[in-house]
Amino acid sequence: MTTPPVLETARLILRAHTLADFEDCAGLWGDAAITRFIGGKPSTREETYARLLRYAGTWALKPYGFWAARERETGAYVGDVGFISTIRGLPEPFGQYPELGWSLTAAHHGKGYATEAVRAALAWGDQHLPDPKTVCIIDPLNTPSLGVAERCGFTAFGKATYHDDELIMLERARA
């Protein structure tokens, strides 16, 4: 089992999720504006609870996982960022590498938090993950996330369909 580290940036603290994060996660994942590019529909409370357990379980089985991002100054929940292991059936080499994901509350969009959190996760990953690459998938209409990915060194290497959604597959080599 990997003990989730605490990562700190100028404005954020990234730490392991706890059950106390459930209501904040439910608000994030239940927001149709957030999920329109991630599965296309808001998550139920039941689905969000399973997500929270998956976040904890990933750290138990893999050398990585997701963090809850919170503002250093206020403690406000910003969103989720981290690495996940999936079996999505996407074209290889996608499934061979840790997949990075991020999702922020609408109140924290447009403030540079996503780029800050993703850079912190990647810096940690560059030091601790055995894999030479990280991958992610993004809806082609999600231009803000595509911008985050580009600023953080990801490049597109293909397209795929997942759950009837067309997605861009991106990769980033270890810095």
Protein backbone atom coordinates (compact mmCIF):
# COMPACT_ATOMS: atom_id res chain seq x y z
CA MET A 1 0.00 0.00 0.00
CA THR A 2 1.25 3.45 -0.92
CA THR A 3 0.76 6.19 1.63
CA PRO A 4 -0.64 9.18 -0.24
CA PRO A 5 1.74 12.13 0.07
CA VAL A 6 0.61 15.67 0.73
CA LEU A 7 1.62 18.03 -2.07
CA GLU A 8 1.75 21.79 -1.59
CA THR A 9 1.84 24.50 -4.20
CA ALA A 10 1.74 28.26 -3.86
CA ARG A 11 -2.07 28.22 -3.55
CA LEU A 12 -3.10 24.60 -3.07
CA ILE A 13 -2.77 21.61 -0.79
CA LEU A 14 -3.29 18.23 -2.44
CA ARG A 15 -4.02 15.47 0.05
CA ALA A 16 -5.66 12.07 0.17
CA HIS A 17 -9.44 12.08 0.12
CA THR A 18 -11.29 11.26 3.30
CA LEU A 19 -14.94 10.48 3.93
CA ALA A 20 -15.26 14.09 5.08
CA ASP A 21 -14.74 15.11 1.43
CA PHE A 22 -17.91 13.32 0.30
CA GLU A 23 -20.27 16.31 0.24
CA ASP A 24 -17.75 18.41 -1.67
CA CYS A 25 -17.17 15.58 -4.17
CA ALA A 26 -20.90 15.06 -4.53
CA GLY A 27 -21.28 18.74 -5.37
CA LEU A 28 -18.52 18.58 -7.97
CA TRP A 29 -19.56 15.34 -9.64
CA GLY A 30 -23.28 16.17 -9.44
CA ASP A 31 -22.79 19.39 -11.42
CA ALA A 32 -23.93 19.01 -15.04
CA ALA A 33 -21.63 21.85 -16.13
CA ILE A 34 -18.64 19.85 -14.85
CA THR A 35 -19.63 16.43 -16.13
CA ARG A 36 -20.73 17.48 -19.62
CA PHE A 37 -17.24 16.53 -20.87
CA ILE A 38 -16.79 13.62 -18.45
CA GLY A 39 -19.42 11.04 -19.22
CA GLY A 40 -22.03 13.61 -20.18
CA LYS A 41 -24.25 13.35 -17.11
CA PRO A 42 -24.02 14.26 -13.42
CA SER A 43 -23.09 11.52 -11.00
CA THR A 44 -25.56 10.36 -8.37
CA ARG A 45 -24.54 10.45 -4.74
CA GLU A 46 -24.15 6.67 -4.92
CA GLU A 47 -21.78 6.97 -7.91
CA THR A 48 -19.80 9.72 -6.20
CA TYR A 49 -19.43 7.62 -3.05
CA ALA A 50 -18.08 4.75 -5.18
CA ARG A 51 -15.66 7.23 -6.80
CA LEU A 52 -14.45 8.34 -3.38
CA LEU A 53 -13.83 4.72 -2.39
CA ARG A 54 -12.04 4.13 -5.72
CA TYR A 55 -9.77 7.07 -4.98
CA ALA A 56 -8.74 5.47 -1.67
CA GLY A 57 -8.52 2.01 -3.22
CA THR A 58 -6.19 3.12 -5.99
CA TRP A 59 -3.58 4.19 -3.43
CA ALA A 60 -3.99 0.80 -1.74
CA LEU A 61 -3.24 -1.17 -4.92
CA LYS A 62 -1.07 1.12 -7.04
CA PRO A 63 1.90 3.43 -6.35
CA TYR A 64 -0.33 6.43 -7.13
CA GLY A 65 -3.83 7.81 -6.85
CA PHE A 66 -5.99 10.93 -6.69
CA TRP A 67 -5.78 13.88 -4.34
CA ALA A 68 -8.41 16.28 -3.05
CA ALA A 69 -7.22 19.78 -3.93
CA ARG A 70 -7.98 22.54 -1.45
CA GLU A 71 -7.05 26.19 -1.27
CA ARG A 72 -4.19 26.73 1.17
CA GLU A 73 -5.61 30.02 2.42
CA THR A 74 -9.27 29.11 2.91
CA GLY A 75 -9.39 25.31 2.88
CA ALA A 76 -12.08 25.50 0.18
CA TYR A 77 -12.45 22.38 -1.92
CA VAL A 78 -11.10 23.05 -5.42
CA GLY A 79 -11.51 19.60 -6.98
CA ASP A 80 -9.82 16.28 -7.69
CA VAL A 81 -6.53 15.60 -9.46
CA GLY A 82 -4.34 12.55 -9.76
CA PHE A 83 -3.47 9.29 -11.40
CA ILE A 84 -5.75 6.35 -12.02
CA SER A 85 -5.41 2.88 -13.44
CA THR A 86 -8.25 1.85 -15.76
CA ILE A 87 -9.26 -0.83 -18.18
CA ARG A 88 -11.07 1.23 -20.80
CA GLY A 89 -10.37 -0.83 -23.90
CA LEU A 90 -8.71 2.14 -25.60
CA PRO A 91 -6.02 1.53 -28.23
CA GLU A 92 -2.60 0.72 -26.83
CA PRO A 93 -0.31 2.04 -25.57
CA PHE A 94 -2.93 4.06 -23.65
CA GLY A 95 -3.66 1.46 -20.97
CA GLN A 96 -0.01 0.71 -20.28
CA TYR A 97 0.61 3.98 -18.43
CA PRO A 98 -0.89 5.83 -15.47
CA GLU A 99 -3.77 8.05 -16.55
CA LEU A 100 -3.87 11.57 -15.20
CA GLY A 101 -7.19 13.25 -14.58
CA TRP A 102 -8.46 16.46 -13.06
CA SER A 103 -11.79 18.09 -12.40
CA LEU A 104 -12.38 21.36 -10.59
CA THR A 105 -15.48 22.99 -9.17
CA ALA A 106 -17.03 25.65 -11.39
CA ALA A 107 -16.15 28.31 -8.83
CA HIS A 108 -12.46 27.55 -9.36
CA HIS A 109 -12.40 27.57 -13.17
CA GLY A 110 -10.31 30.17 -14.95
CA LYS A 111 -7.95 30.85 -12.05
CA GLY A 112 -5.02 28.66 -13.05
CA TYR A 113 -5.73 26.10 -10.33
CA ALA A 114 -5.99 23.17 -12.74
CA THR A 115 -2.58 23.87 -14.28
CA GLU A 116 -1.07 24.37 -10.82
CA ALA A 117 -2.53 21.12 -9.48
CA VAL A 118 -1.64 19.09 -12.59
CA ARG A 119 1.94 20.38 -12.53
CA ALA A 120 2.26 19.38 -8.87
CA ALA A 121 0.90 15.89 -9.58
CA LEU A 122 3.22 15.47 -12.57
CA ALA A 123 6.27 16.69 -10.62
CA TRP A 124 5.49 14.10 -7.96
CA GLY A 125 4.92 11.45 -10.64
CA ASP A 126 8.22 12.24 -12.34
CA GLN A 127 9.96 11.42 -9.07
CA HIS A 128 7.90 8.42 -7.93
CA LEU A 129 6.26 6.60 -10.83
CA PRO A 130 8.18 3.81 -12.55
CA ASP A 131 6.45 4.46 -15.89
CA PRO A 132 8.17 6.71 -18.45
CA LYS A 133 4.87 8.22 -19.64
CA THR A 134 1.57 9.52 -18.37
CA VAL A 135 -1.58 9.60 -20.49
CA CYS A 136 -4.93 11.37 -20.39
CA ILE A 137 -8.11 11.56 -22.43
CA ILE A 138 -10.02 14.76 -23.10
CA ASP A 139 -13.18 15.57 -25.00
CA PRO A 140 -12.17 17.65 -28.06
CA LEU A 141 -14.73 20.32 -27.09
CA ASN A 142 -13.17 20.75 -23.64
CA THR A 143 -10.78 23.48 -24.70
CA PRO A 144 -9.89 24.57 -21.14
CA SER A 145 -8.65 21.06 -20.26
CA LEU A 146 -6.85 20.75 -23.57
CA GLY A 147 -5.06 24.00 -22.68
CA VAL A 148 -4.09 22.63 -19.26
CA ALA A 149 -2.76 19.47 -20.89
CA GLU A 150 -0.72 21.45 -23.42
CA ARG A 151 0.73 23.76 -20.75
CA CYS A 152 1.74 20.68 -18.77
CA GLY A 153 3.56 19.01 -21.66
CA PHE A 154 0.95 16.61 -23.06
CA THR A 155 0.69 16.04 -26.80
CA ALA A 156 -2.07 14.31 -28.73
CA PHE A 157 -1.26 10.90 -30.17
CA GLY A 158 -4.63 9.63 -31.30
CA LYS A 159 -8.40 9.64 -31.05
CA ALA A 160 -10.65 7.05 -29.49
CA THR A 161 -14.29 6.41 -28.77
CA TYR A 162 -15.20 5.67 -25.18
CA HIS A 163 -18.84 5.21 -24.11
CA ASP A 164 -19.92 6.67 -27.45
CA ASP A 165 -17.86 9.84 -26.87
CA GLU A 166 -15.06 10.88 -29.21
CA LEU A 167 -11.95 11.65 -27.14
CA ILE A 168 -8.41 12.82 -27.76
CA MET A 169 -5.68 10.60 -26.30
CA LEU A 170 -2.67 12.52 -25.02
CA GLU A 171 0.70 11.52 -23.60
CA ARG A 172 3.53 13.14 -21.73
CA ALA A 173 7.02 11.73 -21.31
CA ARG A 174 8.71 12.05 -17.95
CA ALA A 175 10.52 15.38 -17.65
